[in-house]
């Protein structure tokens, strides 16, 4: 029975159509959707819109998790050009992040800014906490090797934290990684609920 069905995608909201990062996200989501995976993102522009467009190009399903801030000056918000099939509206930025983490059976993380860093950190932290029953991370791009190496050299890393992710650099490697991670995905339906309870305020 397939355990990874929905994949939450994170990345730079300011990526434009002529940015290679935009093309990477588009092609990755296209391949994933063609393989039957539901694509989830934050409903905004940049990598989020590219992921939705890639999925829709092959008839895939997309879910956008959004919120509509009133007092945040540097938040991208809902992109009307992001072609999501279903919108889930949350109350704030934290709730949005938690819902993205809850809905995804695995996480695909592209290059991004501080928002992406915070999402990556939370996803990585949850994977360490629930190691053995964790949701896997896929880090897209060779640059992640330098970032992980910097963490190893400068932070206090535990051995299990190095076992919850895969680094890929193209759509073929991405599909191969998901097929491999399928064997390690949670076997029961309790993980999402546990994650949600762990971050209730």
Protein backbone atom coordinates (compact mmCIF):
# COMPACT_ATOMS: atom_id res chain seq x y z
CA UNK A 1 0.00 0.00 0.00
CA UNK A 2 1.37 3.41 -0.99
CA UNK A 3 2.19 5.52 2.06
CA UNK A 4 3.48 8.69 0.40
CA UNK A 5 0.54 10.25 -1.42
CA UNK A 6 0.84 13.99 -0.80
CA UNK A 7 4.03 16.04 -0.98
CA UNK A 8 4.40 19.49 0.55
CA UNK A 9 6.73 21.76 -1.41
CA UNK A 10 8.65 24.69 0.07
CA UNK A 11 10.86 27.30 -1.59
CA UNK A 12 11.59 30.90 -2.54
CA UNK A 13 8.43 32.99 -2.96
CA UNK A 14 10.20 35.63 -5.08
CA UNK A 15 11.40 33.29 -7.83
CA UNK A 16 10.30 34.60 -11.24
CA UNK A 17 9.47 32.64 -14.38
CA UNK A 18 12.93 33.28 -15.87
CA UNK A 19 14.66 32.02 -12.71
CA UNK A 20 16.19 28.50 -13.04
CA UNK A 21 14.72 27.79 -9.60
CA UNK A 22 11.21 28.35 -10.98
CA UNK A 23 11.88 25.87 -13.76
CA UNK A 24 13.27 23.32 -11.29
CA UNK A 25 10.16 23.51 -9.12
CA UNK A 26 7.87 23.32 -12.17
CA UNK A 27 9.59 20.25 -13.59
CA UNK A 28 9.84 18.49 -10.24
CA UNK A 29 6.14 18.97 -9.50
CA UNK A 30 5.25 17.93 -13.03
CA UNK A 31 7.08 14.63 -12.63
CA UNK A 32 5.58 14.04 -9.19
CA UNK A 33 2.03 14.78 -10.34
CA UNK A 34 2.48 12.55 -13.36
CA UNK A 35 3.43 9.78 -10.95
CA UNK A 36 0.18 10.35 -9.05
CA UNK A 37 1.29 12.47 -6.10
CA UNK A 38 -0.82 15.38 -4.84
CA UNK A 39 1.15 18.64 -4.75
CA UNK A 40 0.74 20.87 -1.69
CA UNK A 41 2.17 24.38 -1.30
CA UNK A 42 1.48 27.68 0.41
CA UNK A 43 -0.67 29.09 -2.39
CA UNK A 44 1.70 31.97 -3.06
CA UNK A 45 4.00 32.99 -5.93
CA UNK A 46 7.50 31.82 -6.86
CA UNK A 47 8.30 28.18 -6.17
CA UNK A 48 4.75 27.66 -4.88
CA UNK A 49 3.13 28.82 -8.12
CA UNK A 50 5.71 26.94 -10.21
CA UNK A 51 4.86 23.73 -8.34
CA UNK A 52 1.13 24.15 -8.94
CA UNK A 53 1.65 24.99 -12.60
CA UNK A 54 3.86 21.96 -13.11
CA UNK A 55 1.30 19.69 -11.51
CA UNK A 56 -1.63 21.14 -13.46
CA UNK A 57 0.28 20.79 -16.75
CA UNK A 58 -0.16 17.02 -16.45
CA UNK A 59 -3.60 17.02 -14.86
CA UNK A 60 -2.37 16.68 -11.29
CA UNK A 61 -4.14 17.80 -8.12
CA UNK A 62 -2.92 20.78 -6.09
CA UNK A 63 -3.73 22.02 -2.60
CA UNK A 64 -2.84 25.50 -1.34
CA UNK A 65 -2.58 26.33 2.35
CA UNK A 66 -2.99 30.08 2.78
CA UNK A 67 -3.67 32.85 5.21
CA UNK A 68 -4.56 36.50 4.67
CA UNK A 69 -2.43 38.74 6.90
CA UNK A 70 -3.33 42.31 7.78
CA UNK A 71 -0.16 43.61 9.43
CA UNK A 72 2.69 41.68 7.79
CA UNK A 73 4.57 43.89 5.33
CA UNK A 74 6.87 41.26 3.81
CA UNK A 75 4.59 38.27 3.30
CA UNK A 76 3.67 37.20 -0.21
CA UNK A 77 0.10 36.09 0.58
CA UNK A 78 -2.23 34.28 -1.80
CA UNK A 79 -1.17 34.45 -5.44
CA UNK A 80 -4.29 34.57 -7.68
CA UNK A 81 -2.19 33.11 -10.49
CA UNK A 82 -1.33 29.99 -8.47
CA UNK A 83 -3.73 27.39 -9.94
CA UNK A 84 -4.64 25.38 -6.84
CA UNK A 85 -7.64 23.04 -6.85
CA UNK A 86 -8.35 23.32 -3.15
CA UNK A 87 -7.59 26.16 -0.76
CA UNK A 88 -7.24 25.64 2.97
CA UNK A 89 -7.30 29.00 4.77
CA UNK A 90 -5.47 29.27 8.08
CA UNK A 91 -5.42 32.03 10.69
CA UNK A 92 -1.73 32.90 10.82
CA UNK A 93 1.74 32.09 9.52
CA UNK A 94 2.47 29.47 12.16
CA UNK A 95 -0.81 27.66 11.59
CA UNK A 96 -0.13 27.71 7.85
CA UNK A 97 3.29 26.12 8.32
CA UNK A 98 1.92 23.46 10.65
CA UNK A 99 -0.88 22.60 8.21
CA UNK A 100 1.64 22.23 5.37
CA UNK A 101 3.67 19.88 7.56
CA UNK A 102 0.58 17.99 8.65
CA UNK A 103 -0.82 17.40 5.15
CA UNK A 104 2.40 16.31 3.45
CA UNK A 105 3.48 12.68 3.69
CA UNK A 106 6.93 13.88 2.60
CA UNK A 107 8.55 17.29 2.16
CA UNK A 108 10.36 18.66 -0.90
CA UNK A 109 12.46 21.71 -0.07
CA UNK A 110 14.01 24.01 -2.69
CA UNK A 111 16.31 26.99 -2.28
CA UNK A 112 14.63 29.84 -0.43
CA UNK A 113 14.89 32.59 2.14
CA UNK A 114 14.14 32.85 5.85
CA UNK A 115 10.64 31.44 5.42
CA UNK A 116 12.03 28.33 3.74
CA UNK A 117 14.74 28.06 6.39
CA UNK A 118 12.12 28.07 9.15
CA UNK A 119 10.02 25.45 7.34
CA UNK A 120 13.09 23.29 6.74
CA UNK A 121 14.13 23.60 10.39
CA UNK A 122 10.72 22.59 11.68
CA UNK A 123 10.45 19.67 9.25
CA UNK A 124 13.94 18.47 10.16
CA UNK A 125 13.28 18.85 13.87
CA UNK A 126 10.06 16.85 13.64
CA UNK A 127 11.84 14.12 11.69
CA UNK A 128 14.43 13.85 14.45
CA UNK A 129 11.81 13.83 17.21
CA UNK A 130 9.75 11.13 15.50
CA UNK A 131 12.73 9.25 14.08
CA UNK A 132 11.62 5.84 12.90
CA UNK A 133 8.08 7.12 12.34
CA UNK A 134 9.08 10.35 10.65
CA UNK A 135 8.05 12.03 7.44
CA UNK A 136 11.03 12.14 5.06
CA UNK A 137 12.67 15.27 3.67
CA UNK A 138 13.94 15.65 0.13
CA UNK A 139 16.35 18.53 -0.38
CA UNK A 140 16.52 19.70 -3.99
CA UNK A 141 19.89 20.93 -5.21
CA UNK A 142 23.56 20.12 -4.65
CA UNK A 143 23.97 23.32 -2.60
CA UNK A 144 22.30 21.47 0.28
CA UNK A 145 25.49 19.41 0.69
CA UNK A 146 27.38 22.55 1.71
CA UNK A 147 24.61 23.62 4.07
CA UNK A 148 24.45 20.24 5.80
CA UNK A 149 28.25 20.15 6.01
CA UNK A 150 28.20 23.55 7.71
CA UNK A 151 25.70 22.27 10.27
CA UNK A 152 27.89 19.25 10.96
CA UNK A 153 31.00 21.41 11.35
CA UNK A 154 29.44 24.14 13.47
CA UNK A 155 26.46 22.71 15.35
CA UNK A 156 25.79 19.75 17.67
CA UNK A 157 24.20 17.19 15.36
CA UNK A 158 22.85 13.78 16.33
CA UNK A 159 23.44 10.70 14.11
CA UNK A 160 19.74 10.15 13.40
CA UNK A 161 19.41 13.69 12.04
CA UNK A 162 21.58 12.67 9.11
CA UNK A 163 19.27 9.77 8.21
CA UNK A 164 15.96 11.53 7.62
CA UNK A 165 16.67 13.32 4.33
CA UNK A 166 17.89 12.74 0.78
CA UNK A 167 19.59 15.30 -1.47
CA UNK A 168 18.60 15.20 -5.16
CA UNK A 169 19.45 17.40 -8.12
CA UNK A 170 17.02 16.40 -10.89
CA UNK A 171 13.51 14.92 -11.36
CA UNK A 172 14.83 11.40 -11.98
CA UNK A 173 16.73 11.38 -8.70
CA UNK A 174 13.65 12.85 -7.03
CA UNK A 175 11.40 9.97 -8.07
CA UNK A 176 14.06 7.44 -7.12
CA UNK A 177 14.37 9.04 -3.69
CA UNK A 178 10.62 8.93 -3.09
CA UNK A 179 10.48 5.28 -4.09
CA UNK A 180 13.30 4.56 -1.67
CA UNK A 181 11.76 6.62 1.12
CA UNK A 182 8.42 4.88 0.63
CA UNK A 183 9.92 1.93 2.50
CA UNK A 184 10.66 4.15 5.49
CA UNK A 185 7.48 6.22 5.58
CA UNK A 186 5.17 5.79 8.62
CA UNK A 187 3.15 2.58 8.56
CA UNK A 188 0.17 3.98 10.47
CA UNK A 189 -2.01 7.06 10.34
CA UNK A 190 -1.01 8.48 13.71
CA UNK A 191 1.97 10.61 12.73
CA UNK A 192 0.08 13.63 11.41
CA UNK A 193 -2.09 13.76 14.50
CA UNK A 194 0.96 13.46 16.74
CA UNK A 195 2.64 16.32 14.88
CA UNK A 196 -0.46 18.43 15.22
CA UNK A 197 -0.75 17.77 18.96
CA UNK A 198 2.93 18.47 19.48
CA UNK A 199 2.49 22.05 18.25
CA UNK A 200 -0.87 22.98 19.70
CA UNK A 201 -0.61 26.39 21.38
